[in-house]
Amino acid sequence: MGIITKSRVVTVFILVVVSFNSPPSFADNRIWLQDTTIDGKSVKLCLDSGSNFNLISLDAVERLGLKFGANQTNDGFAGFFAGVIDHCTLAINGYRAQTGFRVVKFPDYVGADFDGLIGWYPGQNVVLIDAATRQAELYSKMPRRARNWIHFSVNTNFGTLELEVPHGGSVSRILSIDTGTDSGLELPSNDWNRWKKSHPHSPTTLKTFYTPTEGFVIREEA
């Protein structure tokens, strides 16, 4: 299955293969970026299209010898974010850009298998995401094989990857594509409650996960 989305600028997002198999661990669900460096030093980064910022672990910062400004705020992130890297050179597949990172100190109960993540931003021309091989690559132009795939628009008013999906004629619905989650489909709380009421015999359970913004989270799933 192929999907291409074009925004009002030049960003094109290509989803090559949609896979609904359930891997044995969350790590197996990550979408990895290839040939990534920060200030010329190799790092292991994944793509999180559901995040509107870049993130790097404190352990990676110390290993790479990067300099960052300590977190001076008392906001809700202060318990997890250790500081900010304002300017660095990020390279992905040969593409270079000046960008910044939030530095996060993972708690002891989190076993991170990556150095950091790159959030969604329209800074590149073509992003190809292969869900089967769990890899993401950047291209300068759309591959020929993708020209006849299904097209959706990218809503550029969001800092995350949001697609405008036609529904009921001229009305569009927003579908969020989040490569940083291992869930097949997530619903807003009102829709989730309606679904549970209409499926009283469907088994449900609880899942636990960690995010730098929310910490340790427990939610229902079915």
Protein backbone atom coordinates (compact mmCIF):
# COMPACT_ATOMS: atom_id res chain seq x y z
CA MET A 1 0.00 0.00 0.00
CA GLY A 2 1.39 3.40 -0.86
CA ILE A 3 0.40 6.84 0.32
CA ILE A 4 1.79 10.18 -0.80
CA THR A 5 0.89 13.44 0.86
CA LYS A 6 1.75 16.92 -0.36
CA SER A 7 1.62 20.07 1.72
CA ARG A 8 1.30 23.61 0.48
CA VAL A 9 5.07 23.84 0.62
CA VAL A 10 7.31 21.17 -0.88
CA THR A 11 7.12 18.42 1.71
CA VAL A 12 6.11 14.98 0.47
CA PHE A 13 5.54 12.10 2.87
CA ILE A 14 5.61 8.59 1.43
CA LEU A 15 4.41 5.56 3.35
CA VAL A 16 5.71 2.58 1.43
CA VAL A 17 4.26 -0.38 3.32
CA VAL A 18 1.66 -0.47 6.06
CA SER A 19 2.23 -3.38 8.41
CA PHE A 20 -0.24 -4.36 11.13
CA ASN A 21 1.80 -7.23 12.56
CA SER A 22 2.51 -6.93 16.30
CA PRO A 23 6.25 -7.15 16.97
CA PRO A 24 7.38 -8.65 20.31
CA SER A 25 8.62 -5.35 21.76
CA PHE A 26 8.18 -1.60 21.42
CA ALA A 27 11.76 -1.26 20.16
CA ASP A 28 10.84 -3.31 17.10
CA ASN A 29 8.25 -0.68 16.17
CA ARG A 30 10.64 2.24 15.89
CA ILE A 31 11.20 3.90 12.51
CA TRP A 32 14.98 4.29 12.26
CA LEU A 33 16.77 7.07 10.37
CA GLN A 34 19.79 6.00 8.37
CA ASP A 35 23.33 7.46 8.45
CA THR A 36 22.68 10.10 11.11
CA THR A 37 25.27 12.33 12.75
CA ILE A 38 25.24 15.32 15.10
CA ASP A 39 28.20 17.67 14.65
CA GLY A 40 29.90 14.91 12.67
CA LYS A 41 29.47 12.23 15.36
CA SER A 42 27.40 9.12 14.68
CA VAL A 43 24.12 8.78 16.59
CA LYS A 44 21.22 6.33 16.61
CA LEU A 45 18.06 8.31 15.89
CA CYS A 46 14.47 7.36 15.12
CA LEU A 47 11.68 9.35 13.48
CA ASP A 48 8.74 10.37 15.66
CA SER A 49 6.18 12.12 13.47
CA GLY A 50 3.95 12.57 16.52
CA SER A 51 6.48 14.86 18.20
CA ASN A 52 6.90 18.57 17.46
CA PHE A 53 10.44 18.74 18.81
CA ASN A 54 13.76 16.89 18.55
CA LEU A 55 15.01 14.98 21.59
CA ILE A 56 18.37 13.52 22.64
CA SER A 57 19.23 11.60 25.79
CA LEU A 58 21.59 13.01 28.41
CA ASP A 59 23.69 9.85 28.13
CA ALA A 60 24.21 10.47 24.40
CA VAL A 61 25.06 14.13 25.00
CA GLU A 62 27.74 13.17 27.51
CA ARG A 63 29.10 10.38 25.29
CA LEU A 64 29.33 12.67 22.27
CA GLY A 65 30.75 15.58 24.25
CA LEU A 66 27.98 17.98 23.18
CA LYS A 67 27.37 21.23 25.06
CA PHE A 68 23.90 22.20 26.25
CA GLY A 69 22.21 24.79 28.39
CA ALA A 70 20.77 23.47 31.63
CA ASN A 71 17.01 23.58 32.15
CA GLN A 72 16.16 26.67 34.22
CA THR A 73 12.36 26.36 34.15
CA ASN A 74 9.89 24.92 36.65
CA ASP A 75 7.37 23.72 34.08
CA GLY A 76 5.93 20.21 33.87
CA PHE A 77 8.90 18.98 31.84
CA ALA A 78 11.52 19.97 34.40
CA GLY A 79 11.59 16.51 35.98
CA PHE A 80 12.62 14.91 32.69
CA PHE A 81 14.24 17.57 30.51
CA ALA A 82 17.81 18.35 31.52
CA GLY A 83 18.34 21.22 29.10
CA VAL A 84 18.49 22.40 25.52
CA ILE A 85 20.98 22.26 22.66
CA ASP A 86 20.23 25.44 20.71
CA HIS A 87 22.35 24.89 17.61
CA CYS A 88 24.02 21.84 16.11
CA THR A 89 24.53 20.32 12.68
CA LEU A 90 22.25 17.37 12.03
CA ALA A 91 23.02 15.13 9.03
CA ILE A 92 20.65 12.42 7.74
CA ASN A 93 21.56 10.50 4.59
CA GLY A 94 23.84 13.35 3.56
CA TYR A 95 21.22 16.07 4.16
CA ARG A 96 22.49 18.71 6.59
CA ALA A 97 20.54 21.20 8.67
CA GLN A 98 21.07 23.47 11.64
CA THR A 99 18.68 22.50 14.40
CA GLY A 100 18.24 22.12 18.15
CA PHE A 101 17.41 19.34 20.62
CA ARG A 102 15.78 19.01 24.00
CA VAL A 103 18.01 17.01 26.30
CA VAL A 104 16.15 14.44 28.37
CA LYS A 105 17.31 12.46 31.39
CA PHE A 106 15.54 9.13 31.24
CA PRO A 107 14.56 7.62 34.61
CA ASP A 108 16.23 4.38 35.68
CA TYR A 109 13.19 2.26 34.77
CA VAL A 110 13.41 3.26 31.08
CA GLY A 111 15.73 1.16 28.93
CA ALA A 112 16.26 3.44 25.93
CA ASP A 113 17.63 1.67 22.84
CA PHE A 114 18.22 4.92 20.92
CA ASP A 115 20.18 8.15 21.33
CA GLY A 116 17.31 10.41 20.39
CA LEU A 117 14.45 11.15 18.05
CA ILE A 118 13.69 13.58 15.28
CA GLY A 119 10.24 15.15 15.40
CA TRP A 120 8.12 16.10 12.42
CA TYR A 121 8.99 19.27 10.56
CA PRO A 122 8.72 20.23 6.86
CA GLY A 123 12.43 20.87 6.41
CA GLN A 124 13.02 18.28 3.72
CA ASN A 125 11.53 17.67 0.29
CA VAL A 126 10.65 13.96 0.46
CA VAL A 127 10.40 11.65 3.47
CA LEU A 128 10.07 7.95 2.67
CA ILE A 129 8.87 5.78 5.56
CA ASP A 130 9.00 2.01 5.12
CA ALA A 131 6.91 0.47 7.90
CA ALA A 132 7.91 -3.10 6.97
CA THR A 133 11.66 -2.56 7.37
CA ARG A 134 11.14 0.20 9.99
CA GLN A 135 13.40 2.69 8.23
CA ALA A 136 13.03 6.30 7.09
CA GLU A 137 15.06 8.01 4.37
CA LEU A 138 15.20 11.47 2.79
CA TYR A 139 15.12 12.13 -0.95
CA SER A 140 15.48 15.24 -3.08
CA LYS A 141 12.53 14.32 -5.33
CA MET A 142 9.60 11.92 -5.45
CA PRO A 143 10.52 8.38 -6.60
CA ARG A 144 8.97 7.46 -9.95
CA ARG A 145 7.23 4.39 -8.51
CA ALA A 146 5.22 6.60 -6.11
CA ARG A 147 3.72 9.01 -8.62
CA ASN A 148 0.45 7.09 -9.03
CA TRP A 149 -0.14 6.29 -5.38
CA ILE A 150 -2.99 7.68 -3.28
CA HIS A 151 -2.52 11.37 -2.44
CA PHE A 152 -3.57 13.23 0.72
CA SER A 153 -2.74 16.77 1.84
CA VAL A 154 -0.57 17.49 4.86
CA ASN A 155 -2.08 20.00 7.27
CA THR A 156 0.76 22.47 7.81
CA ASN A 157 -0.88 24.13 10.84
CA PHE A 158 0.39 21.29 13.03
CA GLY A 159 3.88 20.54 14.31
CA THR A 160 3.17 16.85 13.84
CA LEU A 161 2.21 14.77 10.79
CA GLU A 162 -1.52 15.35 10.22
CA LEU A 163 -3.27 14.25 7.02
CA GLU A 164 -6.42 15.82 5.59
CA VAL A 165 -8.57 12.85 4.58
CA PRO A 166 -11.67 13.65 2.44
CA HIS A 167 -14.94 12.68 4.09
CA GLY A 168 -18.47 13.54 3.03
CA GLY A 169 -17.70 15.57 -0.07
CA SER A 170 -15.72 18.70 0.71
CA VAL A 171 -15.37 17.95 4.44
CA SER A 172 -12.01 16.60 5.58
CA ARG A 173 -11.04 14.70 8.68
CA ILE A 174 -7.64 14.92 10.30
CA LEU A 175 -5.71 11.67 10.61
CA SER A 176 -2.58 11.82 12.74
CA ILE A 177 0.32 9.59 11.70
CA ASP A 178 2.54 8.90 14.73
CA THR A 179 5.63 6.80 14.00
CA GLY A 180 6.61 7.05 17.67
CA THR A 181 3.81 4.84 18.98
CA ASP A 182 3.34 1.08 18.88
CA SER A 183 -0.47 1.33 18.78
CA GLY A 184 -2.34 0.40 15.63
CA LEU A 185 -5.07 3.01 16.14
CA GLU A 186 -5.64 5.53 18.93
CA LEU A 187 -8.96 7.27 19.57
CA PRO A 188 -9.84 10.49 21.42
CA SER A 189 -11.38 9.78 24.82
CA ASN A 190 -14.97 10.50 23.70
CA ASP A 191 -14.67 8.17 20.70
CA TRP A 192 -13.00 5.53 22.88
CA ASN A 193 -15.86 5.61 25.39
CA ARG A 194 -18.43 5.33 22.58
CA TRP A 195 -16.53 2.38 21.12
CA LYS A 196 -16.48 0.56 24.48
CA LYS A 197 -20.22 1.05 24.93
CA SER A 198 -20.94 -0.35 21.48
CA HIS A 199 -18.55 -3.32 21.99
CA PRO A 200 -19.36 -4.49 25.55
CA HIS A 201 -17.99 -8.00 24.97
CA SER A 202 -14.64 -7.01 23.48
CA PRO A 203 -11.76 -7.79 25.85
CA THR A 204 -9.70 -4.85 27.11
CA THR A 205 -6.49 -4.59 29.07
CA LEU A 206 -4.06 -1.96 30.36
CA LYS A 207 -0.82 -0.91 28.68
CA THR A 208 2.03 1.01 30.28
CA PHE A 209 4.56 3.23 28.57
CA TYR A 210 6.84 6.21 29.16
CA THR A 211 7.01 9.58 27.43
CA PRO A 212 9.34 12.47 28.31
CA THR A 213 6.38 14.87 28.56
CA GLU A 214 4.01 12.65 30.60
CA GLY A 215 6.34 10.27 32.39
CA PHE A 216 4.99 6.80 33.25
CA VAL A 217 1.51 6.33 31.71
CA ILE A 218 -1.18 3.67 32.10
CA ARG A 219 -3.96 3.48 29.50
CA GLU A 220 -6.67 1.09 28.34
CA GLU A 221 -6.42 -0.78 25.07
CA ALA A 222 -8.48 -3.37 23.20
